[in-house]
Amino acid sequence: MPQLDTSTWFITILSTTITLFILMQLKTSLHNFPQTPSIKSVESTKTDKPWESKWTKIYSPLSLPQQ
């Protein structure tokens, strides 16, 4: 069974890492980011819900009278 030649692994991994780093740097440098982000006004809209207009009470089983 032949031996696995690992003498070129270091340069292969190093060159791959450097290439990926350069590619990612180029990708992010070519991306256009907004210089001054604008503030959006958030306005809450009031919706009429039927359960908001009347008072409801939730009875827990422990607060009910014992039978």
N, C-alpha and C. Protein backbone atom coordinates (compact mmCIF):
# COMPACT_ATOMS: atom_id res chain seq x y z
N MET A 1 0.85 -1.17 0.00
CA MET A 1 0.00 0.00 0.00
C MET A 1 0.90 1.24 0.00
N PRO A 2 0.70 2.16 -0.96
CA PRO A 2 1.60 3.31 -1.05
C PRO A 2 1.33 4.33 0.06
N GLN A 3 2.36 5.05 0.40
CA GLN A 3 2.25 6.08 1.43
C GLN A 3 1.58 7.33 0.84
N LEU A 4 0.83 8.02 1.68
CA LEU A 4 0.18 9.25 1.26
C LEU A 4 1.18 10.38 1.35
N ASP A 5 1.37 11.08 0.26
CA ASP A 5 2.33 12.18 0.22
C ASP A 5 1.67 13.44 0.77
N THR A 6 2.10 13.88 1.94
CA THR A 6 1.50 15.05 2.59
C THR A 6 2.41 16.26 2.52
N SER A 7 3.42 16.23 1.69
CA SER A 7 4.37 17.33 1.64
C SER A 7 3.76 18.60 1.02
N THR A 8 2.74 18.45 0.20
CA THR A 8 2.15 19.63 -0.45
C THR A 8 0.91 20.14 0.27
N TRP A 9 0.52 19.51 1.35
CA TRP A 9 -0.71 19.91 2.02
C TRP A 9 -0.61 21.30 2.62
N PHE A 10 0.52 21.63 3.19
CA PHE A 10 0.66 22.92 3.86
C PHE A 10 0.49 24.06 2.87
N ILE A 11 1.17 24.01 1.75
CA ILE A 11 1.09 25.08 0.77
C ILE A 11 -0.30 25.13 0.13
N THR A 12 -0.95 23.99 -0.02
CA THR A 12 -2.29 23.95 -0.58
C THR A 12 -3.30 24.62 0.36
N ILE A 13 -3.23 24.27 1.63
CA ILE A 13 -4.16 24.85 2.62
C ILE A 13 -3.87 26.33 2.78
N LEU A 14 -2.60 26.71 2.81
CA LEU A 14 -2.25 28.12 2.97
C LEU A 14 -2.70 28.94 1.78
N SER A 15 -2.48 28.46 0.60
CA SER A 15 -2.89 29.22 -0.59
C SER A 15 -4.40 29.30 -0.71
N THR A 16 -5.10 28.25 -0.33
CA THR A 16 -6.57 28.28 -0.35
C THR A 16 -7.10 29.29 0.64
N THR A 17 -6.53 29.34 1.83
CA THR A 17 -6.96 30.28 2.85
C THR A 17 -6.71 31.72 2.41
N ILE A 18 -5.56 31.98 1.86
CA ILE A 18 -5.24 33.33 1.40
C ILE A 18 -6.15 33.74 0.25
N THR A 19 -6.42 32.82 -0.66
CA THR A 19 -7.31 33.12 -1.79
C THR A 19 -8.72 33.42 -1.31
N LEU A 20 -9.22 32.63 -0.38
CA LEU A 20 -10.56 32.89 0.15
C LEU A 20 -10.62 34.21 0.89
N PHE A 21 -9.57 34.54 1.61
CA PHE A 21 -9.54 35.82 2.32
C PHE A 21 -9.56 36.98 1.33
N ILE A 22 -8.77 36.90 0.28
CA ILE A 22 -8.73 37.97 -0.72
C ILE A 22 -10.08 38.09 -1.43
N LEU A 23 -10.68 36.97 -1.78
CA LEU A 23 -11.98 37.01 -2.43
C LEU A 23 -13.06 37.63 -1.55
N MET A 24 -13.05 37.30 -0.27
CA MET A 24 -14.04 37.89 0.64
C MET A 24 -13.79 39.38 0.84
N GLN A 25 -12.53 39.78 0.88
CA GLN A 25 -12.22 41.20 1.00
C GLN A 25 -12.69 41.96 -0.24
N LEU A 26 -12.48 41.40 -1.40
CA LEU A 26 -12.96 42.05 -2.62
C LEU A 26 -14.48 42.10 -2.67
N LYS A 27 -15.10 41.04 -2.23
CA LYS A 27 -16.57 41.00 -2.25
C LYS A 27 -17.16 42.07 -1.33
N THR A 28 -16.59 42.21 -0.15
CA THR A 28 -17.14 43.21 0.78
C THR A 28 -16.73 44.63 0.40
N SER A 29 -15.60 44.80 -0.25
CA SER A 29 -15.19 46.15 -0.63
C SER A 29 -16.01 46.67 -1.81
N LEU A 30 -16.52 45.78 -2.64
CA LEU A 30 -17.33 46.21 -3.78
C LEU A 30 -18.80 46.40 -3.41
N HIS A 31 -19.17 46.04 -2.22
CA HIS A 31 -20.57 46.18 -1.79
C HIS A 31 -20.84 47.62 -1.39
N ASN A 32 -21.96 48.16 -1.82
CA ASN A 32 -22.32 49.54 -1.50
C ASN A 32 -23.14 49.58 -0.22
N PHE A 33 -22.57 50.14 0.81
CA PHE A 33 -23.27 50.31 2.08
C PHE A 33 -23.84 51.72 2.14
N PRO A 34 -24.99 51.93 2.75
CA PRO A 34 -25.53 53.29 2.87
C PRO A 34 -24.67 54.12 3.82
N GLN A 35 -24.39 55.36 3.42
CA GLN A 35 -23.54 56.23 4.23
C GLN A 35 -24.27 56.71 5.48
N THR A 36 -25.46 57.23 5.31
CA THR A 36 -26.25 57.68 6.46
C THR A 36 -27.60 56.98 6.40
N PRO A 37 -27.82 56.02 7.23
CA PRO A 37 -29.11 55.32 7.21
C PRO A 37 -30.23 56.25 7.66
N SER A 38 -31.32 56.20 6.97
CA SER A 38 -32.45 57.05 7.32
C SER A 38 -33.31 56.38 8.39
N ILE A 39 -33.89 57.20 9.23
CA ILE A 39 -34.73 56.71 10.31
C ILE A 39 -36.17 56.63 9.82
N LYS A 40 -36.74 55.48 9.97
CA LYS A 40 -38.13 55.29 9.57
C LYS A 40 -39.03 55.51 10.78
N SER A 41 -40.07 56.27 10.58
CA SER A 41 -41.00 56.50 11.68
C SER A 41 -41.93 55.29 11.80
N VAL A 42 -42.05 54.81 13.02
CA VAL A 42 -42.89 53.66 13.28
C VAL A 42 -44.16 54.17 13.95
N GLU A 43 -45.24 54.03 13.24
CA GLU A 43 -46.53 54.47 13.79
C GLU A 43 -47.40 53.24 14.03
N SER A 44 -47.86 53.12 15.24
CA SER A 44 -48.72 51.98 15.54
C SER A 44 -50.15 52.31 15.14
N THR A 45 -50.75 51.39 14.46
CA THR A 45 -52.13 51.60 14.04
C THR A 45 -53.05 50.95 15.05
N LYS A 46 -54.04 51.70 15.45
CA LYS A 46 -55.00 51.21 16.44
C LYS A 46 -56.09 50.43 15.71
N THR A 47 -56.20 49.17 16.05
CA THR A 47 -57.26 48.35 15.46
C THR A 47 -58.30 48.06 16.53
N ASP A 48 -59.53 48.07 16.10
CA ASP A 48 -60.62 47.79 17.03
C ASP A 48 -60.79 46.30 17.19
N LYS A 49 -60.61 45.87 18.40
CA LYS A 49 -60.78 44.45 18.70
C LYS A 49 -61.99 44.32 19.63
N PRO A 50 -62.82 43.33 19.43
CA PRO A 50 -64.05 43.25 20.23
C PRO A 50 -63.77 43.01 21.71
N TRP A 51 -62.65 42.38 22.04
CA TRP A 51 -62.41 42.09 23.44
C TRP A 51 -61.78 43.27 24.18
N GLU A 52 -61.40 44.33 23.46
CA GLU A 52 -60.84 45.49 24.13
C GLU A 52 -61.94 46.41 24.67
N SER A 53 -63.11 46.37 24.07
CA SER A 53 -64.15 47.30 24.48
C SER A 53 -64.91 46.84 25.73
N LYS A 54 -64.87 45.59 26.05
CA LYS A 54 -65.59 45.12 27.23
C LYS A 54 -64.63 44.50 28.24
N TRP A 55 -65.03 44.54 29.47
CA TRP A 55 -64.20 44.02 30.54
C TRP A 55 -64.46 42.53 30.69
N THR A 56 -63.42 41.75 30.66
CA THR A 56 -63.59 40.31 30.84
C THR A 56 -62.74 39.87 32.01
N LYS A 57 -63.20 38.86 32.67
CA LYS A 57 -62.47 38.32 33.80
C LYS A 57 -62.21 36.85 33.54
N ILE A 58 -60.98 36.45 33.80
CA ILE A 58 -60.62 35.05 33.64
C ILE A 58 -60.59 34.42 35.02
N TYR A 59 -61.37 33.39 35.19
CA TYR A 59 -61.46 32.72 36.47
C TYR A 59 -60.47 31.57 36.51
N SER A 60 -59.63 31.57 37.47
CA SER A 60 -58.77 30.43 37.64
C SER A 60 -59.50 29.37 38.46
N PRO A 61 -59.18 28.11 38.27
CA PRO A 61 -59.91 27.06 38.99
C PRO A 61 -59.76 27.16 40.50
N LEU A 62 -58.67 27.73 40.98
CA LEU A 62 -58.48 27.81 42.43
C LEU A 62 -59.32 28.93 43.07
N SER A 63 -59.70 29.94 42.28
CA SER A 63 -60.47 31.04 42.85
C SER A 63 -61.97 30.79 42.84
N LEU A 64 -62.40 29.74 42.16
CA LEU A 64 -63.83 29.42 42.12
C LEU A 64 -64.26 28.84 43.47
N PRO A 65 -65.51 29.05 43.86
CA PRO A 65 -65.96 28.47 45.13
C PRO A 65 -65.98 26.94 45.06
N GLN A 66 -65.66 26.36 46.17
CA GLN A 66 -65.64 24.90 46.20
C GLN A 66 -67.05 24.36 46.27
N GLN A 67 -67.24 23.24 45.64
CA GLN A 67 -68.59 22.68 45.60
C GLN A 67 -68.72 21.52 46.55
